[in-house]
């Protein structure tokens, strides 16, 4: 596929925009690493914390929920809390990504794609 020839000065503008996008992407990744999202299950007896990338960074389990005769209940609570925290992190990530994309002004370059 042959790309159309860009008008004079447009290449510089594209390169500057690409540089800004790379810088924004780096800041975005750093933000997501620092972001912490919390969720709980079982009325707060299990609490999970994930970062903006969805990685589990902390898990709290109330002692009273640890029942050796019913490990499945605790397992379900842990899975539930972690999944909810990950879903919240994904929503936060998507929202921030949308804000960044809108703020980059890609539509103002007049590119053919």
PDB file of N, CA and C in Angstrom:
ATOM      1  N   UNK A   1       0.845  -1.177   0.000  1.00  0.00           N
ATOM      2  CA  UNK A   1       0.000   0.000   0.000  1.00  0.00           C
ATOM      3  C   UNK A   1       0.888   1.238   0.000  1.00  0.00           C
ATOM      4  N   UNK A   2       0.634   2.112  -0.929  1.00  0.00           N
ATOM      5  CA  UNK A   2       1.407   3.335  -1.049  1.00  0.00           C
ATOM      6  C   UNK A   2       0.733   4.440  -0.232  1.00  0.00           C
ATOM      7  N   UNK A   3       1.515   5.061   0.661  1.00  0.00           N
ATOM      8  CA  UNK A   3       0.982   6.146   1.482  1.00  0.00           C
ATOM      9  C   UNK A   3       0.981   7.441   0.682  1.00  0.00           C
ATOM     10  N   UNK A   4      -0.027   8.277   0.881  1.00  0.00           N
ATOM     11  CA  UNK A   4      -0.049   9.565   0.183  1.00  0.00           C
ATOM     12  C   UNK A   4       1.071  10.462   0.689  1.00  0.00           C
ATOM     13  N   UNK A   5       1.521  11.337  -0.195  1.00  0.00           N
ATOM     14  CA  UNK A   5       2.580  12.277   0.157  1.00  0.00           C
ATOM     15  C   UNK A   5       1.996  13.339   1.093  1.00  0.00           C
ATOM     16  N   UNK A   6       2.704  13.588   2.194  1.00  0.00           N
ATOM     17  CA  UNK A   6       2.245  14.578   3.169  1.00  0.00           C
ATOM     18  C   UNK A   6       2.664  15.970   2.733  1.00  0.00           C
ATOM     19  N   UNK A   7       1.839  16.976   3.004  1.00  0.00           N
ATOM     20  CA  UNK A   7       2.198  18.352   2.676  1.00  0.00           C
ATOM     21  C   UNK A   7       3.448  18.790   3.433  1.00  0.00           C
ATOM     22  N   UNK A   8       4.101  19.805   2.926  1.00  0.00           N
ATOM     23  CA  UNK A   8       5.311  20.343   3.546  1.00  0.00           C
ATOM     24  C   UNK A   8       5.039  20.714   5.001  1.00  0.00           C
ATOM     25  N   UNK A   9       5.941  20.325   5.884  1.00  0.00           N
ATOM     26  CA  UNK A   9       5.801  20.620   7.312  1.00  0.00           C
ATOM     27  C   UNK A   9       4.955  19.600   8.058  1.00  0.00           C
ATOM     28  N   UNK A  10       4.181  18.825   7.325  1.00  0.00           N
ATOM     29  CA  UNK A  10       3.309  17.847   7.971  1.00  0.00           C
ATOM     30  C   UNK A  10       4.123  16.719   8.605  1.00  0.00           C
ATOM     31  N   UNK A  11       5.238  16.364   7.967  1.00  0.00           N
ATOM     32  CA  UNK A  11       6.059  15.287   8.512  1.00  0.00           C
ATOM     33  C   UNK A  11       6.610  15.689   9.875  1.00  0.00           C
ATOM     34  N   UNK A  12       7.069  16.922   9.989  1.00  0.00           N
ATOM     35  CA  UNK A  12       7.573  17.415  11.279  1.00  0.00           C
ATOM     36  C   UNK A  12       6.452  17.377  12.310  1.00  0.00           C
ATOM     37  N   UNK A  13       5.290  17.799  11.900  1.00  0.00           N
ATOM     38  CA  UNK A  13       4.136  17.809  12.798  1.00  0.00           C
ATOM     39  C   UNK A  13       3.780  16.382  13.246  1.00  0.00           C
ATOM     40  N   UNK A  14       3.842  15.433  12.326  1.00  0.00           N
ATOM     41  CA  UNK A  14       3.559  14.044  12.650  1.00  0.00           C
ATOM     42  C   UNK A  14       4.597  13.514  13.637  1.00  0.00           C
ATOM     43  N   UNK A  15       5.865  13.837  13.402  1.00  0.00           N
ATOM     44  CA  UNK A  15       6.936  13.379  14.290  1.00  0.00           C
ATOM     45  C   UNK A  15       6.787  13.973  15.687  1.00  0.00           C
ATOM     46  N   UNK A  16       6.442  15.256  15.770  1.00  0.00           N
ATOM     47  CA  UNK A  16       6.224  15.891  17.069  1.00  0.00           C
ATOM     48  C   UNK A  16       5.059  15.237  17.798  1.00  0.00           C
ATOM     49  N   UNK A  17       3.998  14.950  17.044  1.00  0.00           N
ATOM     50  CA  UNK A  17       2.826  14.304  17.639  1.00  0.00           C
ATOM     51  C   UNK A  17       3.191  12.911  18.134  1.00  0.00           C
ATOM     52  N   UNK A  18       3.983  12.183  17.356  1.00  0.00           N
ATOM     53  CA  UNK A  18       4.411  10.841  17.758  1.00  0.00           C
ATOM     54  C   UNK A  18       5.237  10.904  19.038  1.00  0.00           C
ATOM     55  N   UNK A  19       6.107  11.897  19.147  1.00  0.00           N
ATOM     56  CA  UNK A  19       6.919  12.065  20.359  1.00  0.00           C
ATOM     57  C   UNK A  19       6.026  12.341  21.569  1.00  0.00           C
ATOM     58  N   UNK A  20       5.034  13.221  21.382  1.00  0.00           N
ATOM     59  CA  UNK A  20       4.103  13.522  22.488  1.00  0.00           C
ATOM     60  C   UNK A  20       3.333  12.273  22.892  1.00  0.00           C
ATOM     61  N   UNK A  21       2.932  11.478  21.909  1.00  0.00           N
ATOM     62  CA  UNK A  21       2.184  10.265  22.198  1.00  0.00           C
ATOM     63  C   UNK A  21       3.046   9.279  22.992  1.00  0.00           C
ATOM     64  N   UNK A  22       4.303   9.154  22.641  1.00  0.00           N
ATOM     65  CA  UNK A  22       5.204   8.255  23.370  1.00  0.00           C
ATOM     66  C   UNK A  22       5.394   8.730  24.807  1.00  0.00           C
ATOM     67  N   UNK A  23       5.545  10.038  24.991  1.00  0.00           N
ATOM     68  CA  UNK A  23       5.696  10.584  26.347  1.00  0.00           C
ATOM     69  C   UNK A  23       4.434  10.357  27.166  1.00  0.00           C
ATOM     70  N   UNK A  24       3.278  10.568  26.549  1.00  0.00           N
ATOM     71  CA  UNK A  24       2.004  10.349  27.239  1.00  0.00           C
ATOM     72  C   UNK A  24       1.836   8.874  27.599  1.00  0.00           C
ATOM     73  N   UNK A  25       2.227   7.990  26.693  1.00  0.00           N
ATOM     74  CA  UNK A  25       2.116   6.555  26.957  1.00  0.00           C
ATOM     75  C   UNK A  25       2.985   6.158  28.152  1.00  0.00           C
ATOM     76  N   UNK A  26       4.176   6.717  28.235  1.00  0.00           N
ATOM     77  CA  UNK A  26       5.072   6.431  29.354  1.00  0.00           C
ATOM     78  C   UNK A  26       4.463   6.925  30.668  1.00  0.00           C
ATOM     79  N   UNK A  27       3.928   8.153  30.655  1.00  0.00           N
ATOM     80  CA  UNK A  27       3.287   8.698  31.861  1.00  0.00           C
ATOM     81  C   UNK A  27       2.072   7.861  32.254  1.00  0.00           C
ATOM     82  N   UNK A  28       1.320   7.438  31.245  1.00  0.00           N
ATOM     83  CA  UNK A  28       0.131   6.624  31.482  1.00  0.00           C
ATOM     84  C   UNK A  28       0.512   5.319  32.188  1.00  0.00           C
ATOM     85  N   UNK A  29       1.538   4.642  31.703  1.00  0.00           N
ATOM     86  CA  UNK A  29       1.972   3.387  32.307  1.00  0.00           C
ATOM     87  C   UNK A  29       2.441   3.609  33.744  1.00  0.00           C
ATOM     88  N   UNK A  30       3.139   4.703  33.991  1.00  0.00           N
ATOM     89  CA  UNK A  30       3.583   5.016  35.349  1.00  0.00           C
ATOM     90  C   UNK A  30       2.390   5.287  36.259  1.00  0.00           C
ATOM     91  N   UNK A  31       1.399   6.008  35.736  1.00  0.00           N
ATOM     92  CA  UNK A  31       0.174   6.283  36.498  1.00  0.00           C
ATOM     93  C   UNK A  31      -0.529   4.982  36.872  1.00  0.00           C
ATOM     94  N   UNK A  32      -0.639   4.079  35.903  1.00  0.00           N
ATOM     95  CA  UNK A  32      -1.342   2.822  36.135  1.00  0.00           C
ATOM     96  C   UNK A  32      -0.592   1.945  37.145  1.00  0.00           C
ATOM     97  N   UNK A  33       0.707   2.041  37.153  1.00  0.00           N
ATOM     98  CA  UNK A  33       1.505   1.281  38.122  1.00  0.00           C
ATOM     99  C   UNK A  33       1.241   1.797  39.549  1.00  0.00           C
ATOM    100  N   UNK A  34       1.042   3.106  39.677  1.00  0.00           N
ATOM    101  CA  UNK A  34       0.833   3.721  40.992  1.00  0.00           C
ATOM    102  C   UNK A  34      -0.615   3.666  41.470  1.00  0.00           C
ATOM    103  N   UNK A  35      -1.557   3.625  40.543  1.00  0.00           N
ATOM    104  CA  UNK A  35      -2.976   3.595  40.893  1.00  0.00           C
ATOM    105  C   UNK A  35      -3.294   2.347  41.709  1.00  0.00           C
ATOM    106  N   UNK A  36      -4.061   2.513  42.773  1.00  0.00           N
ATOM    107  CA  UNK A  36      -4.504   1.365  43.560  1.00  0.00           C
ATOM    108  C   UNK A  36      -6.021   1.379  43.648  1.00  0.00           C
ATOM    109  N   UNK A  37      -6.609   0.231  43.358  1.00  0.00           N
ATOM    110  CA  UNK A  37      -8.056   0.066  43.373  1.00  0.00           C
ATOM    111  C   UNK A  37      -8.381  -1.010  44.403  1.00  0.00           C
ATOM    112  N   UNK A  38      -9.392  -0.738  45.224  1.00  0.00           N
ATOM    113  CA  UNK A  38      -9.751  -1.650  46.311  1.00  0.00           C
ATOM    114  C   UNK A  38     -11.158  -2.205  46.082  1.00  0.00           C
ATOM    115  N   UNK A  39     -11.346  -3.461  46.437  1.00  0.00           N
ATOM    116  CA  UNK A  39     -12.672  -4.084  46.398  1.00  0.00           C
ATOM    117  C   UNK A  39     -12.738  -5.093  47.542  1.00  0.00           C
ATOM    118  N   UNK A  40     -13.965  -5.400  47.949  1.00  0.00           N
ATOM    119  CA  UNK A  40     -14.124  -6.366  49.040  1.00  0.00           C
ATOM    120  C   UNK A  40     -15.242  -7.341  48.710  1.00  0.00           C
ATOM    121  N   UNK A  41     -15.275  -8.412  49.482  1.00  0.00           N
ATOM    122  CA  UNK A  41     -16.323  -9.423  49.328  1.00  0.00           C
ATOM    123  C   UNK A  41     -16.704  -9.909  50.721  1.00  0.00           C
ATOM    124  N   UNK A  42     -17.895 -10.481  50.806  1.00  0.00           N
ATOM    125  CA  UNK A  42     -18.348 -11.039  52.081  1.00  0.00           C
ATOM    126  C   UNK A  42     -18.546  -9.982  53.144  1.00  0.00           C
ATOM    127  N   UNK A  43     -19.030  -8.826  52.734  1.00  0.00           N
ATOM    128  CA  UNK A  43     -19.251  -7.756  53.706  1.00  0.00           C
ATOM    129  C   UNK A  43     -17.955  -7.160  54.240  1.00  0.00           C
ATOM    130  N   UNK A  44     -16.885  -7.292  53.482  1.00  0.00           N
ATOM    131  CA  UNK A  44     -15.620  -6.684  53.875  1.00  0.00           C
ATOM    132  C   UNK A  44     -14.651  -7.613  54.573  1.00  0.00           C
ATOM    133  N   UNK A  45     -14.986  -8.914  54.662  1.00  0.00           N
ATOM    134  CA  UNK A  45     -14.075  -9.834  55.344  1.00  0.00           C
ATOM    135  C   UNK A  45     -12.875 -10.211  54.474  1.00  0.00           C
ATOM    136  N   UNK A  46     -13.019 -10.018  53.160  1.00  0.00           N
ATOM    137  CA  UNK A  46     -11.898 -10.212  52.239  1.00  0.00           C
ATOM    138  C   UNK A  46     -11.778  -8.933  51.413  1.00  0.00           C
ATOM    139  N   UNK A  47     -10.574  -8.357  51.418  1.00  0.00           N
ATOM    140  CA  UNK A  47     -10.324  -7.117  50.684  1.00  0.00           C
ATOM    141  C   UNK A  47      -9.140  -7.322  49.750  1.00  0.00           C
ATOM    142  N   UNK A  48      -9.326  -6.918  48.502  1.00  0.00           N
ATOM    143  CA  UNK A  48      -8.263  -7.051  47.504  1.00  0.00           C
ATOM    144  C   UNK A  48      -7.883  -5.670  46.990  1.00  0.00           C
ATOM    145  N   UNK A  49      -6.605  -5.487  46.738  1.00  0.00           N
ATOM    146  CA  UNK A  49      -6.096  -4.248  46.152  1.00  0.00           C
ATOM    147  C   UNK A  49      -5.288  -4.626  44.918  1.00  0.00           C
ATOM    148  N   UNK A  50      -5.619  -3.984  43.788  1.00  0.00           N
ATOM    149  CA  UNK A  50      -4.858  -4.188  42.563  1.00  0.00           C
ATOM    150  C   UNK A  50      -4.374  -2.840  42.068  1.00  0.00           C
ATOM    151  N   UNK A  51      -3.304  -2.864  41.265  1.00  0.00           N
ATOM    152  CA  UNK A  51      -2.855  -1.609  40.670  1.00  0.00           C
ATOM    153  C   UNK A  51      -3.622  -1.376  39.367  1.00  0.00           C
ATOM    154  N   UNK A  52      -3.334  -0.276  38.710  1.00  0.00           N
ATOM    155  CA  UNK A  52      -4.047   0.084  37.490  1.00  0.00           C
ATOM    156  C   UNK A  52      -3.811  -0.857  36.335  1.00  0.00           C
ATOM    157  N   UNK A  53      -2.827  -1.732  36.471  1.00  0.00           N
ATOM    158  CA  UNK A  53      -2.568  -2.733  35.442  1.00  0.00           C
ATOM    159  C   UNK A  53      -3.302  -4.035  35.747  1.00  0.00           C
ATOM    160  N   UNK A  54      -4.013  -4.065  36.887  1.00  0.00           N
ATOM    161  CA  UNK A  54      -4.779  -5.251  37.257  1.00  0.00           C
ATOM    162  C   UNK A  54      -4.003  -6.274  38.055  1.00  0.00           C
ATOM    163  N   UNK A  55      -2.806  -5.928  38.479  1.00  0.00           N
ATOM    164  CA  UNK A  55      -1.980  -6.854  39.250  1.00  0.00           C
ATOM    165  C   UNK A  55      -2.348  -6.780  40.725  1.00  0.00           C
ATOM    166  N   UNK A  56      -2.592  -7.917  41.342  1.00  0.00           N
ATOM    167  CA  UNK A  56      -2.908  -7.973  42.766  1.00  0.00           C
ATOM    168  C   UNK A  56      -1.692  -7.517  43.562  1.00  0.00           C
ATOM    169  N   UNK A  57      -1.882  -6.491  44.410  1.00  0.00           N
ATOM    170  CA  UNK A  57      -0.771  -5.978  45.220  1.00  0.00           C
ATOM    171  C   UNK A  57      -0.983  -6.189  46.708  1.00  0.00           C
ATOM    172  N   UNK A  58      -2.225  -6.466  47.122  1.00  0.00           N
ATOM    173  CA  UNK A  58      -2.490  -6.712  48.535  1.00  0.00           C
ATOM    174  C   UNK A  58      -3.786  -7.506  48.687  1.00  0.00           C
ATOM    175  N   UNK A  59      -3.828  -8.316  49.737  1.00  0.00           N
ATOM    176  CA  UNK A  59      -5.011  -9.099  50.053  1.00  0.00           C
ATOM    177  C   UNK A  59      -5.136  -9.173  51.566  1.00  0.00           C
ATOM    178  N   UNK A  60      -6.309  -8.806  52.068  1.00  0.00           N
ATOM    179  CA  UNK A  60      -6.566  -8.869  53.502  1.00  0.00           C
ATOM    180  C   UNK A  60      -7.702  -9.860  53.753  1.00  0.00           C
ATOM    181  N   UNK A  61      -7.511 -10.716  54.744  1.00  0.00           N
ATOM    182  CA  UNK A  61      -8.529 -11.702  55.101  1.00  0.00           C
ATOM    183  C   UNK A  61      -8.772 -11.600  56.603  1.00  0.00           C
ATOM    184  N   UNK A  62     -10.016 -11.351  56.972  1.00  0.00           N
ATOM    185  CA  UNK A  62     -10.367 -11.268  58.389  1.00  0.00           C
ATOM    186  C   UNK A  62     -10.252 -12.668  59.005  1.00  0.00           C
ATOM    187  N   UNK A  63      -9.647 -12.774  60.168  1.00  0.00           N
ATOM    188  CA  UNK A  63      -9.446 -14.089  60.801  1.00  0.00           C
ATOM    189  C   UNK A  63     -10.739 -14.880  60.990  1.00  0.00           C
ATOM    190  N   UNK A  64     -11.831 -14.193  61.256  1.00  0.00           N
ATOM    191  CA  UNK A  64     -13.081 -14.909  61.537  1.00  0.00           C
ATOM    192  C   UNK A  64     -13.660 -15.622  60.307  1.00  0.00           C
ATOM    193  N   UNK A  65     -13.188 -15.296  59.123  1.00  0.00           N
ATOM    194  CA  UNK A  65     -13.714 -15.944  57.924  1.00  0.00           C
ATOM    195  C   UNK A  65     -12.923 -17.212  57.571  1.00  0.00           C
ATOM    196  N   UNK A  66     -11.832 -17.460  58.250  1.00  0.00           N
ATOM    197  CA  UNK A  66     -11.006 -18.637  57.976  1.00  0.00           C
ATOM    198  C   UNK A  66     -11.606 -19.832  58.718  1.00  0.00           C
ATOM    199  N   UNK A  67     -12.278 -20.678  57.952  1.00  0.00           N
ATOM    200  CA  UNK A  67     -12.929 -21.869  58.509  1.00  0.00           C
ATOM    201  C   UNK A  67     -12.307 -23.099  57.844  1.00  0.00           C
ATOM    202  N   UNK A  68     -11.474 -23.830  58.568  1.00  0.00           N
ATOM    203  CA  UNK A  68     -10.807 -24.999  57.977  1.00  0.00           C
ATOM    204  C   UNK A  68     -11.769 -26.039  57.404  1.00  0.00           C
ATOM    205  N   UNK A  69     -12.994 -26.039  57.892  1.00  0.00           N
ATOM    206  CA  UNK A  69     -13.960 -27.021  57.384  1.00  0.00           C
ATOM    207  C   UNK A  69     -14.659 -26.548  56.107  1.00  0.00           C
ATOM    208  N   UNK A  70     -14.429 -25.287  55.712  1.00  0.00           N
ATOM    209  CA  UNK A  70     -15.090 -24.752  54.516  1.00  0.00           C
ATOM    210  C   UNK A  70     -14.129 -23.865  53.714  1.00  0.00           C
ATOM    211  N   UNK A  71     -13.051 -24.436  53.199  1.00  0.00           N
ATOM    212  CA  UNK A  71     -12.093 -23.621  52.451  1.00  0.00           C
ATOM    213  C   UNK A  71     -12.673 -23.055  51.148  1.00  0.00           C
ATOM    214  N   UNK A  72     -13.687 -23.725  50.593  1.00  0.00           N
ATOM    215  CA  UNK A  72     -14.280 -23.254  49.340  1.00  0.00           C
ATOM    216  C   UNK A  72     -14.906 -21.873  49.498  1.00  0.00           C
ATOM    217  N   UNK A  73     -15.524 -21.614  50.647  1.00  0.00           N
ATOM    218  CA  UNK A  73     -16.146 -20.306  50.863  1.00  0.00           C
ATOM    219  C   UNK A  73     -15.077 -19.218  50.816  1.00  0.00           C
ATOM    220  N   UNK A  74     -13.975 -19.419  51.497  1.00  0.00           N
ATOM    221  CA  UNK A  74     -12.896 -18.431  51.507  1.00  0.00           C
ATOM    222  C   UNK A  74     -12.314 -18.255  50.103  1.00  0.00           C
ATOM    223  N   UNK A  75     -12.149 -19.357  49.404  1.00  0.00           N
ATOM    224  CA  UNK A  75     -11.640 -19.281  48.035  1.00  0.00           C
ATOM    225  C   UNK A  75     -12.561 -18.440  47.157  1.00  0.00           C
ATOM    226  N   UNK A  76     -13.866 -18.661  47.272  1.00  0.00           N
ATOM    227  CA  UNK A  76     -14.844 -17.900  46.483  1.00  0.00           C
ATOM    228  C   UNK A  76     -14.793 -16.409  46.819  1.00  0.00           C
ATOM    229  N   UNK A  77     -14.669 -16.109  48.110  1.00  0.00           N
ATOM    230  CA  UNK A  77     -14.597 -14.706  48.522  1.00  0.00           C
ATOM    231  C   UNK A  77     -13.343 -14.025  47.961  1.00  0.00           C
ATOM    232  N   UNK A  78     -12.237 -14.731  47.985  1.00  0.00           N
ATOM    233  CA  UNK A  78     -10.985 -14.175  47.456  1.00  0.00           C
ATOM    234  C   UNK A  78     -11.118 -13.912  45.957  1.00  0.00           C
ATOM    235  N   UNK A  79     -11.612 -14.897  45.235  1.00  0.00           N
ATOM    236  CA  UNK A  79     -11.777 -14.739  43.783  1.00  0.00           C
ATOM    237  C   UNK A  79     -12.714 -13.573  43.483  1.00  0.00           C
ATOM    238  N   UNK A  80     -13.794 -13.479  44.213  1.00  0.00           N
ATOM    239  CA  UNK A  80     -14.769 -12.407  44.002  1.00  0.00           C
ATOM    240  C   UNK A  80     -14.148 -11.028  44.234  1.00  0.00           C
ATOM    241  N   UNK A  81     -13.434 -10.869  45.330  1.00  0.00           N
ATOM    242  CA  UNK A  81     -12.822  -9.575  45.640  1.00  0.00           C
ATOM    243  C   UNK A  81     -11.763  -9.206  44.606  1.00  0.00           C
ATOM    244  N   UNK A  82     -10.943 -10.159  44.211  1.00  0.00           N
ATOM    245  CA  UNK A  82      -9.894  -9.880  43.228  1.00  0.00           C
ATOM    246  C   UNK A  82     -10.500  -9.528  41.878  1.00  0.00           C
ATOM    247  N   UNK A  83     -11.490 -10.274  41.448  1.00  0.00           N
ATOM    248  CA  UNK A  83     -12.135  -9.982  40.153  1.00  0.00           C
ATOM    249  C   UNK A  83     -12.775  -8.598  40.147  1.00  0.00           C
ATOM    250  N   UNK A  84     -13.438  -8.239  41.222  1.00  0.00           N
ATOM    251  CA  UNK A  84     -14.069  -6.917  41.292  1.00  0.00           C
ATOM    252  C   UNK A  84     -13.017  -5.816  41.248  1.00  0.00           C
ATOM    253  N   UNK A  85     -11.936  -5.982  41.979  1.00  0.00           N
ATOM    254  CA  UNK A  85     -10.867  -4.980  41.959  1.00  0.00           C
ATOM    255  C   UNK A  85     -10.260  -4.876  40.566  1.00  0.00           C
ATOM    256  N   UNK A  86     -10.056  -5.997  39.908  1.00  0.00           N
ATOM    257  CA  UNK A  86      -9.503  -5.975  38.554  1.00  0.00           C
ATOM    258  C   UNK A  86     -10.461  -5.298  37.573  1.00  0.00           C
ATOM    259  N   UNK A  87     -11.748  -5.550  37.727  1.00  0.00           N
ATOM    260  CA  UNK A  87     -12.736  -4.908  36.852  1.00  0.00           C
ATOM    261  C   UNK A  87     -12.734  -3.395  37.062  1.00  0.00           C
ATOM    262  N   UNK A  88     -12.643  -2.963  38.314  1.00  0.00           N
ATOM    263  CA  UNK A  88     -12.578  -1.525  38.598  1.00  0.00           C
ATOM    264  C   UNK A  88     -11.312  -0.911  38.010  1.00  0.00           C
ATOM    265  N   UNK A  89     -10.205  -1.623  38.115  1.00  0.00           N
ATOM    266  CA  UNK A  89      -8.942  -1.132  37.553  1.00  0.00           C
ATOM    267  C   UNK A  89      -9.041  -1.008  36.040  1.00  0.00           C
ATOM    268  N   UNK A  90      -9.681  -1.973  35.398  1.00  0.00           N
ATOM    269  CA  UNK A  90      -9.835  -1.936  33.940  1.00  0.00           C
ATOM    270  C   UNK A  90     -10.714  -0.757  33.523  1.00  0.00           C
ATOM    271  N   UNK A  91     -11.767  -0.496  34.286  1.00  0.00           N
ATOM    272  CA  UNK A  91     -12.620   0.656  33.974  1.00  0.00           C
ATOM    273  C   UNK A  91     -11.840   1.960  34.138  1.00  0.00           C
ATOM    274  N   UNK A  92     -11.063   2.066  35.201  1.00  0.00           N
ATOM    275  CA  UNK A  92     -10.249   3.272  35.426  1.00  0.00           C
ATOM    276  C   UNK A  92      -9.221   3.434  34.317  1.00  0.00           C
ATOM    277  N   UNK A  93      -8.619   2.344  33.910  1.00  0.00           N
ATOM    278  CA  UNK A  93      -7.614   2.365  32.838  1.00  0.00           C
ATOM    279  C   UNK A  93      -8.251   2.815  31.524  1.00  0.00           C
ATOM    280  N   UNK A  94      -9.409   2.255  31.190  1.00  0.00           N
ATOM    281  CA  UNK A  94     -10.099   2.604  29.947  1.00  0.00           C
ATOM    282  C   UNK A  94     -10.531   4.068  29.948  1.00  0.00           C
ATOM    283  N   UNK A  95     -11.013   4.541  31.086  1.00  0.00           N
ATOM    284  CA  UNK A  95     -11.432   5.939  31.182  1.00  0.00           C
ATOM    285  C   UNK A  95     -10.243   6.882  30.984  1.00  0.00           C
ATOM    286  N   UNK A  96      -9.136   6.572  31.628  1.00  0.00           N
ATOM    287  CA  UNK A  96      -7.933   7.409  31.494  1.00  0.00           C
ATOM    288  C   UNK A  96      -7.396   7.367  30.065  1.00  0.00           C
ATOM    289  N   UNK A  97      -7.425   6.192  29.449  1.00  0.00           N
ATOM    290  CA  UNK A  97      -6.967   6.046  28.074  1.00  0.00           C
ATOM    291  C   UNK A  97      -7.836   6.887  27.133  1.00  0.00           C
ATOM    292  N   UNK A  98      -9.126   6.888  27.375  1.00  0.00           N
ATOM    293  CA  UNK A  98     -10.043   7.684  26.563  1.00  0.00           C
ATOM    294  C   UNK A  98      -9.747   9.172  26.712  1.00  0.00           C
ATOM    295  N   UNK A  99      -9.472   9.605  27.935  1.00  0.00           N
ATOM    296  CA  UNK A  99      -9.123  11.007  28.171  1.00  0.00           C
ATOM    297  C   UNK A  99      -7.843  11.379  27.427  1.00  0.00           C
ATOM    298  N   UNK A 100      -6.864  10.493  27.465  1.00  0.00           N
ATOM    299  CA  UNK A 100      -5.602  10.762  26.783  1.00  0.00           C
ATOM    300  C   UNK A 100      -5.791  10.845  25.279  1.00  0.00           C
ATOM    301  N   UNK A 101      -6.529   9.919  24.718  1.00  0.00           N
ATOM    302  CA  UNK A 101      -6.734   9.892  23.270  1.00  0.00           C
ATOM    303  C   UNK A 101      -7.440  11.165  22.803  1.00  0.00           C
ATOM    304  N   UNK A 102      -8.429  11.602  23.573  1.00  0.00           N
ATOM    305  CA  UNK A 102      -9.136  12.827  23.216  1.00  0.00           C
ATOM    306  C   UNK A 102      -8.264  14.057  23.340  1.00  0.00           C
ATOM    307  N   UNK A 103      -7.330  14.027  24.271  1.00  0.00           N
ATOM    308  CA  UNK A 103      -6.460  15.177  24.499  1.00  0.00           C
ATOM    309  C   UNK A 103      -5.284  15.267  23.559  1.00  0.00           C
ATOM    310  N   UNK A 104      -5.029  14.229  22.780  1.00  0.00           N
ATOM    311  CA  UNK A 104      -3.885  14.255  21.878  1.00  0.00           C
ATOM    312  C   UNK A 104      -4.165  15.022  20.592  1.00  0.00           C
ATOM    313  N   UNK A 105      -5.429  15.210  20.251  1.00  0.00           N
ATOM    314  CA  UNK A 105      -5.767  15.990  19.070  1.00  0.00           C
ATOM    315  C   UNK A 105      -5.370  15.326  17.765  1.00  0.00           C
ATOM    316  N   UNK A 106      -5.503  14.021  17.676  1.00  0.00           N
ATOM    317  CA  UNK A 106      -5.119  13.312  16.465  1.00  0.00           C
ATOM    318  C   UNK A 106      -5.932  13.755  15.252  1.00  0.00           C
ATOM    319  N   UNK A 107      -7.156  14.200  15.482  1.00  0.00           N
ATOM    320  CA  UNK A 107      -8.000  14.618  14.372  1.00  0.00           C
ATOM    321  C   UNK A 107      -7.547  15.940  13.748  1.00  0.00           C
ATOM    322  N   UNK A 108      -6.696  16.680  14.424  1.00  0.00           N
ATOM    323  CA  UNK A 108      -6.267  17.992  13.940  1.00  0.00           C
ATOM    324  C   UNK A 108      -5.084  17.932  12.972  1.00  0.00           C
ATOM    325  N   UNK A 109      -4.496  16.761  12.797  1.00  0.00           N
ATOM    326  CA  UNK A 109      -3.333  16.642  11.923  1.00  0.00           C
ATOM    327  C   UNK A 109      -3.711  16.552  10.446  1.00  0.00           C
ATOM    328  N   UNK A 110      -4.945  16.216  10.160  1.00  0.00           N
ATOM    329  CA  UNK A 110      -5.365  16.102   8.767  1.00  0.00           C
ATOM    330  C   UNK A 110      -4.757  14.907   8.040  1.00  0.00           C
ATOM    331  N   UNK A 111      -4.472  13.845   8.784  1.00  0.00           N
ATOM    332  CA  UNK A 111      -3.898  12.671   8.167  1.00  0.00           C
ATOM    333  C   UNK A 111      -4.973  11.895   7.412  1.00  0.00           C
ATOM    334  N   UNK A 112      -4.575  11.176   6.362  1.00  0.00           N
ATOM    335  CA  UNK A 112      -5.551  10.469   5.541  1.00  0.00           C
ATOM    336  C   UNK A 112      -6.088   9.179   6.140  1.00  0.00           C
ATOM    337  N   UNK A 113      -5.771   8.854   7.379  1.00  0.00           N
ATOM    338  CA  UNK A 113      -6.265   7.622   8.004  1.00  0.00           C
ATOM    339  C   UNK A 113      -6.915   7.882   9.315  1.00  0.00           C
TER     340      UNK A 113
END
